[in-house]
Amino acid sequence: MLYLLSILPFPTISQTLRYLTDTSLKYLVMTKLPTLEDLEVSDNGTVTDDGVVYLRKMETLRRLRLQNLPGVDDPQMVIGR
């Protein structure tokens, strides 16, 4: 969680976030980061469908890139639920 807190002040988080978990994504949504517009989550084996579902609630996101997430069946379908 400390890693997550160190990157939060920025409007763009675009890096390989290997340390994110479903709980981390839930935290991002719960804090309602008013400045987060661009998020990339890739090359992460700990994020699952449950974590991706939380991202639907982030109204400030303008760009979301989900790539190489073995725990997520179909990111587009999960976001669309």
N, C-alpha and C. Protein backbone atom coordinates (compact mmCIF):
# COMPACT_ATOMS: atom_id res chain seq x y z
N MET A 1 0.82 -1.19 0.00
CA MET A 1 0.00 0.00 0.00
C MET A 1 0.87 1.26 0.00
N LEU A 2 2.03 1.22 0.63
CA LEU A 2 2.90 2.39 0.63
C LEU A 2 3.33 2.76 -0.78
N TYR A 3 3.56 1.75 -1.62
CA TYR A 3 3.92 2.02 -3.02
C TYR A 3 2.81 2.79 -3.70
N LEU A 4 1.60 2.38 -3.48
CA LEU A 4 0.45 3.04 -4.08
C LEU A 4 0.36 4.49 -3.62
N LEU A 5 0.57 4.73 -2.35
CA LEU A 5 0.51 6.10 -1.84
C LEU A 5 1.59 6.99 -2.44
N SER A 6 2.71 6.41 -2.82
CA SER A 6 3.80 7.22 -3.36
C SER A 6 3.52 7.71 -4.78
N ILE A 7 2.58 7.11 -5.50
CA ILE A 7 2.30 7.52 -6.88
C ILE A 7 0.99 8.26 -7.03
N LEU A 8 0.24 8.43 -5.96
CA LEU A 8 -1.09 9.00 -6.06
C LEU A 8 -1.20 10.46 -6.45
N PRO A 9 -0.25 11.34 -6.20
CA PRO A 9 -0.47 12.75 -6.52
C PRO A 9 -0.52 13.07 -8.01
N PHE A 10 -0.24 12.13 -8.86
CA PHE A 10 -0.12 12.41 -10.28
C PHE A 10 -1.40 12.11 -11.05
N PRO A 11 -1.72 12.90 -12.09
CA PRO A 11 -2.91 12.65 -12.89
C PRO A 11 -2.75 11.44 -13.79
N THR A 12 -1.53 11.00 -13.99
CA THR A 12 -1.26 9.86 -14.85
C THR A 12 -0.45 8.82 -14.10
N ILE A 13 -0.94 7.61 -14.09
CA ILE A 13 -0.18 6.50 -13.56
C ILE A 13 -0.04 5.54 -14.72
N SER A 14 1.11 5.57 -15.35
CA SER A 14 1.33 4.76 -16.54
C SER A 14 2.67 4.06 -16.41
N GLN A 15 2.66 2.97 -15.71
CA GLN A 15 3.84 2.18 -15.52
C GLN A 15 3.40 0.77 -15.17
N THR A 16 4.31 -0.14 -15.16
CA THR A 16 3.95 -1.50 -14.79
C THR A 16 3.72 -1.53 -13.29
N LEU A 17 2.49 -1.74 -12.91
CA LEU A 17 2.13 -1.71 -11.49
C LEU A 17 2.00 -3.13 -10.98
N ARG A 18 3.12 -3.78 -10.77
CA ARG A 18 3.12 -5.18 -10.35
C ARG A 18 2.66 -5.34 -8.91
N TYR A 19 2.67 -4.28 -8.16
CA TYR A 19 2.35 -4.38 -6.74
C TYR A 19 0.88 -4.09 -6.45
N LEU A 20 0.12 -3.75 -7.47
CA LEU A 20 -1.30 -3.52 -7.27
C LEU A 20 -2.02 -4.84 -7.07
N THR A 21 -3.04 -4.78 -6.23
CA THR A 21 -3.92 -5.93 -6.00
C THR A 21 -5.35 -5.45 -6.17
N ASP A 22 -6.29 -6.36 -6.05
CA ASP A 22 -7.70 -5.96 -6.10
C ASP A 22 -8.00 -4.95 -4.99
N THR A 23 -7.41 -5.15 -3.83
CA THR A 23 -7.62 -4.23 -2.70
C THR A 23 -7.06 -2.85 -3.03
N SER A 24 -5.92 -2.79 -3.69
CA SER A 24 -5.34 -1.51 -4.09
C SER A 24 -6.26 -0.76 -5.04
N LEU A 25 -6.82 -1.48 -6.01
CA LEU A 25 -7.74 -0.84 -6.95
C LEU A 25 -8.99 -0.34 -6.24
N LYS A 26 -9.47 -1.11 -5.29
CA LYS A 26 -10.63 -0.67 -4.50
C LYS A 26 -10.29 0.62 -3.74
N TYR A 27 -9.08 0.69 -3.19
CA TYR A 27 -8.63 1.88 -2.48
C TYR A 27 -8.59 3.09 -3.40
N LEU A 28 -8.08 2.90 -4.62
CA LEU A 28 -8.05 4.00 -5.59
C LEU A 28 -9.45 4.57 -5.80
N VAL A 29 -10.41 3.69 -5.93
CA VAL A 29 -11.79 4.13 -6.17
C VAL A 29 -12.37 4.80 -4.92
N MET A 30 -12.13 4.21 -3.77
CA MET A 30 -12.70 4.75 -2.53
C MET A 30 -12.17 6.14 -2.21
N THR A 31 -10.92 6.43 -2.57
CA THR A 31 -10.36 7.74 -2.28
C THR A 31 -10.83 8.78 -3.29
N LYS A 32 -11.47 8.32 -4.35
CA LYS A 32 -12.03 9.21 -5.37
C LYS A 32 -10.99 10.23 -5.83
N LEU A 33 -9.89 9.73 -6.26
CA LEU A 33 -8.80 10.60 -6.69
C LEU A 33 -9.28 11.59 -7.74
N PRO A 34 -9.38 12.84 -7.40
CA PRO A 34 -9.92 13.83 -8.33
C PRO A 34 -8.99 14.16 -9.49
N THR A 35 -7.73 13.77 -9.39
CA THR A 35 -6.79 14.14 -10.44
C THR A 35 -6.41 12.98 -11.35
N LEU A 36 -6.81 11.77 -11.03
CA LEU A 36 -6.39 10.62 -11.82
C LEU A 36 -7.20 10.52 -13.10
N GLU A 37 -6.53 10.73 -14.22
CA GLU A 37 -7.18 10.70 -15.52
C GLU A 37 -6.69 9.55 -16.40
N ASP A 38 -5.51 9.06 -16.14
CA ASP A 38 -4.87 8.08 -17.01
C ASP A 38 -4.28 6.97 -16.16
N LEU A 39 -4.71 5.74 -16.38
CA LEU A 39 -4.23 4.62 -15.58
C LEU A 39 -3.90 3.45 -16.49
N GLU A 40 -2.74 2.88 -16.26
CA GLU A 40 -2.34 1.66 -16.96
C GLU A 40 -2.00 0.61 -15.93
N VAL A 41 -2.62 -0.54 -16.04
CA VAL A 41 -2.31 -1.69 -15.20
C VAL A 41 -1.92 -2.81 -16.15
N SER A 42 -0.67 -3.23 -16.08
CA SER A 42 -0.20 -4.27 -17.00
C SER A 42 0.82 -5.17 -16.32
N ASP A 43 0.98 -6.34 -16.90
CA ASP A 43 1.97 -7.30 -16.41
C ASP A 43 1.81 -7.56 -14.92
N ASN A 44 0.59 -7.84 -14.52
CA ASN A 44 0.27 -8.01 -13.11
C ASN A 44 -0.55 -9.29 -12.93
N GLY A 45 -0.02 -10.22 -12.17
CA GLY A 45 -0.72 -11.48 -11.94
C GLY A 45 -1.61 -11.49 -10.73
N THR A 46 -1.67 -10.38 -9.98
CA THR A 46 -2.48 -10.37 -8.76
C THR A 46 -3.83 -9.68 -8.93
N VAL A 47 -4.00 -8.91 -9.98
CA VAL A 47 -5.28 -8.24 -10.23
C VAL A 47 -6.22 -9.24 -10.91
N THR A 48 -7.46 -9.29 -10.44
CA THR A 48 -8.46 -10.20 -10.99
C THR A 48 -9.66 -9.41 -11.53
N ASP A 49 -10.64 -10.13 -12.02
CA ASP A 49 -11.87 -9.50 -12.49
C ASP A 49 -12.47 -8.60 -11.41
N ASP A 50 -12.44 -9.07 -10.18
CA ASP A 50 -13.03 -8.29 -9.08
C ASP A 50 -12.37 -6.92 -8.93
N GLY A 51 -11.07 -6.84 -9.09
CA GLY A 51 -10.37 -5.56 -8.99
C GLY A 51 -10.68 -4.64 -10.14
N VAL A 52 -10.76 -5.19 -11.34
CA VAL A 52 -11.05 -4.38 -12.53
C VAL A 52 -12.45 -3.78 -12.45
N VAL A 53 -13.40 -4.50 -11.88
CA VAL A 53 -14.77 -4.01 -11.76
C VAL A 53 -14.81 -2.70 -10.98
N TYR A 54 -13.96 -2.55 -9.97
CA TYR A 54 -13.93 -1.31 -9.19
C TYR A 54 -13.64 -0.09 -10.05
N LEU A 55 -12.84 -0.26 -11.09
CA LEU A 55 -12.41 0.87 -11.91
C LEU A 55 -13.55 1.53 -12.66
N ARG A 56 -14.65 0.83 -12.84
CA ARG A 56 -15.82 1.44 -13.51
C ARG A 56 -16.33 2.66 -12.76
N LYS A 57 -16.09 2.72 -11.49
CA LYS A 57 -16.60 3.81 -10.65
C LYS A 57 -15.72 5.05 -10.66
N MET A 58 -14.60 5.00 -11.34
CA MET A 58 -13.68 6.15 -11.37
C MET A 58 -14.09 7.09 -12.49
N GLU A 59 -14.86 8.09 -12.15
CA GLU A 59 -15.43 9.01 -13.13
C GLU A 59 -14.41 9.92 -13.78
N THR A 60 -13.28 10.14 -13.14
CA THR A 60 -12.28 11.06 -13.69
C THR A 60 -11.40 10.41 -14.75
N LEU A 61 -11.41 9.08 -14.83
CA LEU A 61 -10.55 8.39 -15.80
C LEU A 61 -10.96 8.72 -17.22
N ARG A 62 -9.99 9.13 -18.01
CA ARG A 62 -10.21 9.40 -19.43
C ARG A 62 -9.57 8.31 -20.28
N ARG A 63 -8.55 7.66 -19.72
CA ARG A 63 -7.85 6.60 -20.44
C ARG A 63 -7.53 5.49 -19.44
N LEU A 64 -7.89 4.27 -19.81
CA LEU A 64 -7.60 3.11 -18.99
C LEU A 64 -7.01 2.03 -19.89
N ARG A 65 -5.82 1.59 -19.56
CA ARG A 65 -5.18 0.54 -20.35
C ARG A 65 -4.94 -0.66 -19.44
N LEU A 66 -5.53 -1.79 -19.81
CA LEU A 66 -5.38 -3.04 -19.08
C LEU A 66 -4.74 -4.04 -20.03
N GLN A 67 -3.59 -4.56 -19.63
CA GLN A 67 -2.85 -5.41 -20.55
C GLN A 67 -2.07 -6.48 -19.78
N ASN A 68 -2.08 -7.69 -20.31
CA ASN A 68 -1.33 -8.81 -19.74
C ASN A 68 -1.65 -9.01 -18.26
N LEU A 69 -2.93 -9.22 -18.00
CA LEU A 69 -3.40 -9.49 -16.64
C LEU A 69 -3.95 -10.91 -16.60
N PRO A 70 -3.15 -11.89 -16.22
CA PRO A 70 -3.59 -13.29 -16.26
C PRO A 70 -4.82 -13.58 -15.40
N GLY A 71 -5.06 -12.79 -14.36
CA GLY A 71 -6.20 -13.02 -13.49
C GLY A 71 -7.49 -12.41 -13.99
N VAL A 72 -7.43 -11.74 -15.14
CA VAL A 72 -8.62 -11.08 -15.72
C VAL A 72 -8.96 -11.79 -17.01
N ASP A 73 -10.20 -12.32 -17.07
CA ASP A 73 -10.61 -13.09 -18.24
C ASP A 73 -10.68 -12.25 -19.50
N ASP A 74 -11.46 -11.19 -19.45
CA ASP A 74 -11.65 -10.31 -20.61
C ASP A 74 -11.88 -8.90 -20.07
N PRO A 75 -10.84 -8.05 -20.02
CA PRO A 75 -10.96 -6.74 -19.39
C PRO A 75 -12.12 -5.89 -19.93
N GLN A 76 -12.33 -5.89 -21.24
CA GLN A 76 -13.42 -5.08 -21.80
C GLN A 76 -14.78 -5.56 -21.30
N MET A 77 -14.95 -6.87 -21.22
CA MET A 77 -16.21 -7.40 -20.76
C MET A 77 -16.40 -7.10 -19.26
N VAL A 78 -15.34 -7.21 -18.50
CA VAL A 78 -15.42 -6.95 -17.05
C VAL A 78 -15.79 -5.49 -16.80
N ILE A 79 -15.17 -4.57 -17.51
CA ILE A 79 -15.47 -3.14 -17.35
C ILE A 79 -16.92 -2.85 -17.75
N GLY A 80 -17.42 -3.56 -18.71
CA GLY A 80 -18.78 -3.33 -19.20
C GLY A 80 -19.88 -3.91 -18.36
N ARG A 81 -19.53 -4.71 -17.35
CA ARG A 81 -20.57 -5.33 -16.50
C ARG A 81 -21.42 -4.31 -15.80
